[in-house]
PDB file of N, CA and C in Angstrom:
ATOM      1  N   MET A   1       0.991  16.101 -14.660  1.00  0.00           N
ATOM      2  CA  MET A   1       1.001  15.916 -13.245  1.00  0.00           C
ATOM      3  C   MET A   1       1.874  16.426 -12.552  1.00  0.00           C
ATOM      4  N   TRP A   2       1.529  16.531 -11.123  1.00  0.00           N
ATOM      5  CA  TRP A   2       2.351  17.217 -10.188  1.00  0.00           C
ATOM      6  C   TRP A   2       3.798  16.399  -9.976  1.00  0.00           C
ATOM      7  N   LEU A   3       3.657  15.112 -10.026  1.00  0.00           N
ATOM      8  CA  LEU A   3       4.872  14.506 -10.008  1.00  0.00           C
ATOM      9  C   LEU A   3       5.959  14.912 -10.942  1.00  0.00           C
ATOM     10  N   ALA A   4       5.527  14.822 -12.286  1.00  0.00           N
ATOM     11  CA  ALA A   4       6.395  15.407 -13.342  1.00  0.00           C
ATOM     12  C   ALA A   4       6.881  16.741 -13.054  1.00  0.00           C
ATOM     13  N   MET A   5       6.148  17.641 -12.507  1.00  0.00           N
ATOM     14  CA  MET A   5       6.732  18.983 -12.014  1.00  0.00           C
ATOM     15  C   MET A   5       7.932  18.904 -10.985  1.00  0.00           C
ATOM     16  N   VAL A   6       7.595  18.133  -9.943  1.00  0.00           N
ATOM     17  CA  VAL A   6       8.704  17.842  -8.983  1.00  0.00           C
ATOM     18  C   VAL A   6       9.719  17.337  -9.727  1.00  0.00           C
ATOM     19  N   LYS A   7       9.649  16.449 -10.559  1.00  0.00           N
ATOM     20  CA  LYS A   7      10.902  15.486 -11.203  1.00  0.00           C
ATOM     21  C   LYS A   7      11.794  16.511 -12.051  1.00  0.00           C
ATOM     22  N   ASP A   8      11.044  17.728 -12.646  1.00  0.00           N
ATOM     23  CA  ASP A   8      11.442  18.597 -13.488  1.00  0.00           C
ATOM     24  C   ASP A   8      12.212  19.615 -12.528  1.00  0.00           C
ATOM     25  N   GLU A   9      11.605  19.842 -11.378  1.00  0.00           N
ATOM     26  CA  GLU A   9      12.626  20.634 -10.353  1.00  0.00           C
ATOM     27  C   GLU A   9      13.690  19.955  -9.825  1.00  0.00           C
ATOM     28  N   LEU A  10      13.569  18.681  -9.373  1.00  0.00           N
ATOM     29  CA  LEU A  10      14.700  17.918  -8.711  1.00  0.00           C
ATOM     30  C   LEU A  10      15.573  17.125  -9.492  1.00  0.00           C
ATOM     31  N   GLY A  11      15.234  16.865 -10.712  1.00  0.00           N
ATOM     32  CA  GLY A  11      16.046  16.138 -11.703  1.00  0.00           C
ATOM     33  C   GLY A  11      16.220  14.734 -11.218  1.00  0.00           C
ATOM     34  N   GLU A  12      17.276  14.175 -11.577  1.00  0.00           N
ATOM     35  CA  GLU A  12      17.581  12.762 -11.024  1.00  0.00           C
ATOM     36  C   GLU A  12      17.755  12.747  -9.564  1.00  0.00           C
ATOM     37  N   ASP A  13      17.648  13.830  -8.825  1.00  0.00           N
ATOM     38  CA  ASP A  13      17.861  13.457  -7.297  1.00  0.00           C
ATOM     39  C   ASP A  13      16.466  12.841  -6.558  1.00  0.00           C
ATOM     40  N   LEU A  14      15.498  13.050  -7.679  1.00  0.00           N
ATOM     41  CA  LEU A  14      14.218  12.670  -7.085  1.00  0.00           C
ATOM     42  C   LEU A  14      14.179  11.046  -6.843  1.00  0.00           C
ATOM     43  N   GLN A  15      14.110  10.557  -5.866  1.00  0.00           N
ATOM     44  CA  GLN A  15      13.718   9.162  -5.351  1.00  0.00           C
ATOM     45  C   GLN A  15      12.582   8.855  -4.899  1.00  0.00           C
ATOM     46  N   ILE A  16      11.828   7.889  -5.332  1.00  0.00           N
ATOM     47  CA  ILE A  16      10.257   7.498  -4.804  1.00  0.00           C
ATOM     48  C   ILE A  16      10.561   6.209  -4.622  1.00  0.00           C
ATOM     49  N   ASN A  17       9.735   5.886  -2.961  1.00  0.00           N
ATOM     50  CA  ASN A  17       9.847   4.688  -2.700  1.00  0.00           C
ATOM     51  C   ASN A  17       8.310   4.513  -2.270  1.00  0.00           C
ATOM     52  N   TRP A  18       7.427   3.956  -3.243  1.00  0.00           N
ATOM     53  CA  TRP A  18       5.969   3.543  -3.318  1.00  0.00           C
ATOM     54  C   TRP A  18       5.949   2.529  -2.041  1.00  0.00           C
ATOM     55  N   ARG A  19       4.707   2.740  -1.284  1.00  0.00           N
ATOM     56  CA  ARG A  19       4.489   1.912  -0.078  1.00  0.00           C
ATOM     57  C   ARG A  19       2.888   1.538  -0.255  1.00  0.00           C
ATOM     58  N   SER A  20       2.614   0.364   0.037  1.00  0.00           N
ATOM     59  CA  SER A  20       1.178  -0.136  -0.086  1.00  0.00           C
ATOM     60  C   SER A  20       0.662   0.393   1.406  1.00  0.00           C
ATOM     61  N   PHE A  21      -0.678   0.571   1.518  1.00  0.00           N
ATOM     62  CA  PHE A  21      -1.431   0.741   2.667  1.00  0.00           C
ATOM     63  C   PHE A  21      -2.810   0.459   2.378  1.00  0.00           C
ATOM     64  N   ALA A  22      -3.574   0.032   3.297  1.00  0.00           N
ATOM     65  CA  ALA A  22      -5.030  -0.214   3.335  1.00  0.00           C
ATOM     66  C   ALA A  22      -5.751   0.742   3.558  1.00  0.00           C
ATOM     67  N   LEU A  23      -6.794   1.455   2.560  1.00  0.00           N
ATOM     68  CA  LEU A  23      -7.594   2.022   2.618  1.00  0.00           C
ATOM     69  C   LEU A  23      -8.464   2.011   3.700  1.00  0.00           C
ATOM     70  N   GLU A  24      -8.711   0.506   3.603  1.00  0.00           N
ATOM     71  CA  GLU A  24      -9.827  -0.158   4.675  1.00  0.00           C
ATOM     72  C   GLU A  24      -9.450   0.232   6.005  1.00  0.00           C
ATOM     73  N   GLN A  25      -8.211   0.352   6.350  1.00  0.00           N
ATOM     74  CA  GLN A  25      -7.647   0.631   7.821  1.00  0.00           C
ATOM     75  C   GLN A  25      -7.749   1.998   7.898  1.00  0.00           C
ATOM     76  N   VAL A  26      -7.465   3.047   6.974  1.00  0.00           N
ATOM     77  CA  VAL A  26      -7.384   4.306   7.128  1.00  0.00           C
ATOM     78  C   VAL A  26      -8.812   4.893   7.577  1.00  0.00           C
ATOM     79  N   ASN A  27      -9.937   4.157   6.795  1.00  0.00           N
ATOM     80  CA  ASN A  27     -11.381   4.651   6.759  1.00  0.00           C
ATOM     81  C   ASN A  27     -11.946   3.915   7.917  1.00  0.00           C
ATOM     82  N   SER A  28     -11.570   3.147   8.635  1.00  0.00           N
ATOM     83  CA  SER A  28     -12.049   2.350   9.761  1.00  0.00           C
ATOM     84  C   SER A  28     -12.643   3.124  10.769  1.00  0.00           C
ATOM     85  N   THR A  29     -14.076   2.698  11.165  1.00  0.00           N
ATOM     86  CA  THR A  29     -14.649   3.320  12.214  1.00  0.00           C
ATOM     87  C   THR A  29     -14.320   2.251  13.717  1.00  0.00           C
ATOM     88  N   HIS A  30     -13.533   1.278  13.462  1.00  0.00           N
ATOM     89  CA  HIS A  30     -13.546   0.446  14.556  1.00  0.00           C
ATOM     90  C   HIS A  30     -12.525   0.699  15.675  1.00  0.00           C
ATOM     91  N   GLY A  31     -11.627   1.616  15.699  1.00  0.00           N
ATOM     92  CA  GLY A  31     -11.184   2.285  16.697  1.00  0.00           C
ATOM     93  C   GLY A  31      -9.416   2.061  16.333  1.00  0.00           C
ATOM     94  N   ASP A  32      -8.600   2.694  17.434  1.00  0.00           N
ATOM     95  CA  ASP A  32      -7.250   2.784  16.859  1.00  0.00           C
ATOM     96  C   ASP A  32      -6.731   1.277  17.104  1.00  0.00           C
ATOM     97  N   ASN A  33      -7.207   0.339  17.909  1.00  0.00           N
ATOM     98  CA  ASN A  33      -6.643  -0.860  18.114  1.00  0.00           C
ATOM     99  C   ASN A  33      -6.839  -1.927  17.049  1.00  0.00           C
ATOM    100  N   TRP A  34      -7.928  -1.770  16.097  1.00  0.00           N
ATOM    101  CA  TRP A  34      -8.448  -2.662  15.031  1.00  0.00           C
ATOM    102  C   TRP A  34      -7.535  -2.448  14.006  1.00  0.00           C
ATOM    103  N   LYS A  35      -7.011  -3.746  13.464  1.00  0.00           N
ATOM    104  CA  LYS A  35      -6.126  -3.755  12.389  1.00  0.00           C
ATOM    105  C   LYS A  35      -6.897  -4.659  11.340  1.00  0.00           C
ATOM    106  N   ALA A  36      -7.020  -4.096   9.943  1.00  0.00           N
ATOM    107  CA  ALA A  36      -7.607  -4.932   9.011  1.00  0.00           C
ATOM    108  C   ALA A  36      -7.099  -6.009   8.843  1.00  0.00           C
ATOM    109  N   TRP A  37      -5.640  -6.094   8.775  1.00  0.00           N
ATOM    110  CA  TRP A  37      -4.565  -7.206   8.350  1.00  0.00           C
ATOM    111  C   TRP A  37      -4.508  -8.358   9.150  1.00  0.00           C
ATOM    112  N   GLU A  38      -5.454  -8.093  10.251  1.00  0.00           N
ATOM    113  CA  GLU A  38      -5.242  -8.968  11.879  1.00  0.00           C
ATOM    114  C   GLU A  38      -6.464  -9.786  11.661  1.00  0.00           C
ATOM    115  N   GLN A  39      -7.751  -9.506  11.082  1.00  0.00           N
ATOM    116  CA  GLN A  39      -9.173 -10.092  11.000  1.00  0.00           C
ATOM    117  C   GLN A  39      -8.929 -11.569  10.558  1.00  0.00           C
ATOM    118  N   GLY A  40      -9.549 -12.434  10.755  1.00  0.00           N
ATOM    119  CA  GLY A  40      -9.599 -13.742  10.515  1.00  0.00           C
ATOM    120  C   GLY A  40     -10.214 -14.080   8.941  1.00  0.00           C
ATOM    121  N   SER A  41      -9.852 -15.090   8.610  1.00  0.00           N
ATOM    122  CA  SER A  41     -10.488 -15.522   7.301  1.00  0.00           C
ATOM    123  C   SER A  41     -11.771 -15.369   6.716  1.00  0.00           C
ATOM    124  N   ASP A  42     -12.504 -15.249   7.839  1.00  0.00           N
ATOM    125  CA  ASP A  42     -14.040 -14.965   7.789  1.00  0.00           C
ATOM    126  C   ASP A  42     -14.315 -13.618   7.727  1.00  0.00           C
ATOM    127  N   TYR A  43     -13.485 -12.881   7.743  1.00  0.00           N
ATOM    128  CA  TYR A  43     -13.759 -11.111   7.788  1.00  0.00           C
ATOM    129  C   TYR A  43     -13.968 -11.044   6.021  1.00  0.00           C
ATOM    130  N   VAL A  44     -15.057 -10.327   5.893  1.00  0.00           N
ATOM    131  CA  VAL A  44     -15.439  -9.966   4.466  1.00  0.00           C
ATOM    132  C   VAL A  44     -14.758  -8.608   4.313  1.00  0.00           C
ATOM    133  N   SER A  45     -13.897  -8.501   3.167  1.00  0.00           N
ATOM    134  CA  SER A  45     -12.826  -7.211   2.926  1.00  0.00           C
ATOM    135  C   SER A  45     -13.049  -6.967   1.412  1.00  0.00           C
ATOM    136  N   ARG A  46     -13.224  -5.818   1.038  1.00  0.00           N
ATOM    137  CA  ARG A  46     -13.105  -5.378  -0.465  1.00  0.00           C
ATOM    138  C   ARG A  46     -11.702  -5.219  -0.643  1.00  0.00           C
ATOM    139  N   GLY A  47     -10.781  -4.912   0.023  1.00  0.00           N
ATOM    140  CA  GLY A  47      -9.373  -4.701  -0.687  1.00  0.00           C
ATOM    141  C   GLY A  47      -7.975  -5.474   0.021  1.00  0.00           C
ATOM    142  N   LEU A  48      -8.389  -6.056   1.043  1.00  0.00           N
ATOM    143  CA  LEU A  48      -7.257  -6.908   1.775  1.00  0.00           C
ATOM    144  C   LEU A  48      -6.587  -8.033   0.653  1.00  0.00           C
ATOM    145  N   TRP A  49      -7.271  -8.705   0.332  1.00  0.00           N
ATOM    146  CA  TRP A  49      -6.580  -9.687  -0.782  1.00  0.00           C
ATOM    147  C   TRP A  49      -5.850  -9.222  -1.699  1.00  0.00           C
ATOM    148  N   ALA A  50      -6.446  -7.857  -2.487  1.00  0.00           N
ATOM    149  CA  ALA A  50      -5.387  -7.416  -3.242  1.00  0.00           C
ATOM    150  C   ALA A  50      -4.017  -6.509  -2.647  1.00  0.00           C
ATOM    151  N   LEU A  51      -4.417  -5.936  -1.512  1.00  0.00           N
ATOM    152  CA  LEU A  51      -3.120  -5.553  -0.761  1.00  0.00           C
ATOM    153  C   LEU A  51      -2.237  -6.826  -0.506  1.00  0.00           C
ATOM    154  N   ARG A  52      -2.604  -7.796   0.133  1.00  0.00           N
ATOM    155  CA  ARG A  52      -2.106  -9.091   0.327  1.00  0.00           C
ATOM    156  C   ARG A  52      -1.126  -9.483  -1.093  1.00  0.00           C
ATOM    157  N   GLY A  53      -1.847  -9.614  -2.013  1.00  0.00           N
ATOM    158  CA  GLY A  53      -1.251 -10.046  -3.178  1.00  0.00           C
ATOM    159  C   GLY A  53      -0.088  -8.931  -3.634  1.00  0.00           C
ATOM    160  N   GLY A  54      -0.168  -7.551  -3.622  1.00  0.00           N
ATOM    161  CA  GLY A  54       0.628  -6.808  -3.932  1.00  0.00           C
ATOM    162  C   GLY A  54       1.887  -6.976  -3.081  1.00  0.00           C
ATOM    163  N   VAL A  55       1.683  -7.181  -1.749  1.00  0.00           N
ATOM    164  CA  VAL A  55       2.642  -7.521  -0.914  1.00  0.00           C
ATOM    165  C   VAL A  55       3.747  -8.789  -1.220  1.00  0.00           C
ATOM    166  N   ALA A  56       2.915  -9.736  -1.533  1.00  0.00           N
ATOM    167  CA  ALA A  56       3.444 -11.060  -1.962  1.00  0.00           C
ATOM    168  C   ALA A  56       4.230 -10.773  -3.231  1.00  0.00           C
ATOM    169  N   HIS A  57       3.739  -9.913  -4.107  1.00  0.00           N
ATOM    170  CA  HIS A  57       4.522  -9.609  -5.264  1.00  0.00           C
ATOM    171  C   HIS A  57       5.962  -8.877  -4.957  1.00  0.00           C
ATOM    172  N   ASP A  58       5.815  -7.883  -3.860  1.00  0.00           N
ATOM    173  CA  ASP A  58       7.042  -7.127  -3.810  1.00  0.00           C
ATOM    174  C   ASP A  58       8.074  -7.879  -3.090  1.00  0.00           C
ATOM    175  N   ASN A  59       7.466  -8.994  -2.070  1.00  0.00           N
ATOM    176  CA  ASN A  59       8.285  -9.934  -1.490  1.00  0.00           C
ATOM    177  C   ASN A  59       8.987 -10.805  -2.280  1.00  0.00           C
ATOM    178  N   ARG A  60       8.619 -11.099  -3.633  1.00  0.00           N
ATOM    179  CA  ARG A  60       9.378 -12.039  -4.198  1.00  0.00           C
ATOM    180  C   ARG A  60      10.629 -11.791  -4.534  1.00  0.00           C
ATOM    181  N   GLY A  61      10.983 -10.539  -4.632  1.00  0.00           N
ATOM    182  CA  GLY A  61      12.110 -10.286  -5.139  1.00  0.00           C
ATOM    183  C   GLY A  61      12.204  -9.887  -6.521  1.00  0.00           C
ATOM    184  N   HIS A  62      13.289  -9.658  -7.186  1.00  0.00           N
ATOM    185  CA  HIS A  62      13.394  -8.789  -8.604  1.00  0.00           C
ATOM    186  C   HIS A  62      14.027  -9.900  -9.416  1.00  0.00           C
ATOM    187  N   HIS A  63      13.654 -11.266  -9.416  1.00  0.00           N
ATOM    188  CA  HIS A  63      14.332 -12.185 -10.293  1.00  0.00           C
ATOM    189  C   HIS A  63      13.875 -12.186 -11.424  1.00  0.00           C
ATOM    190  N   PRO A  64      14.633 -12.317 -12.652  1.00  0.00           N
ATOM    191  CA  PRO A  64      14.442 -12.230 -14.047  1.00  0.00           C
ATOM    192  C   PRO A  64      13.509 -13.449 -14.246  1.00  0.00           C
TER     193      PRO A  64
END
């Protein structure tokens, strides 16, 4: 995998900060002002609930 090659090159200096993003937003044809996450509860989405779940998980902190 290319990421392993980068780690081999950079060693322990490599730091990765993964971020969530909505493919639905990126692939939208609704225009620049439309935001997938601002749609009402009646909006049918294939991925926003999964994104919201991941964000909620990240926001809960790292408690044992």
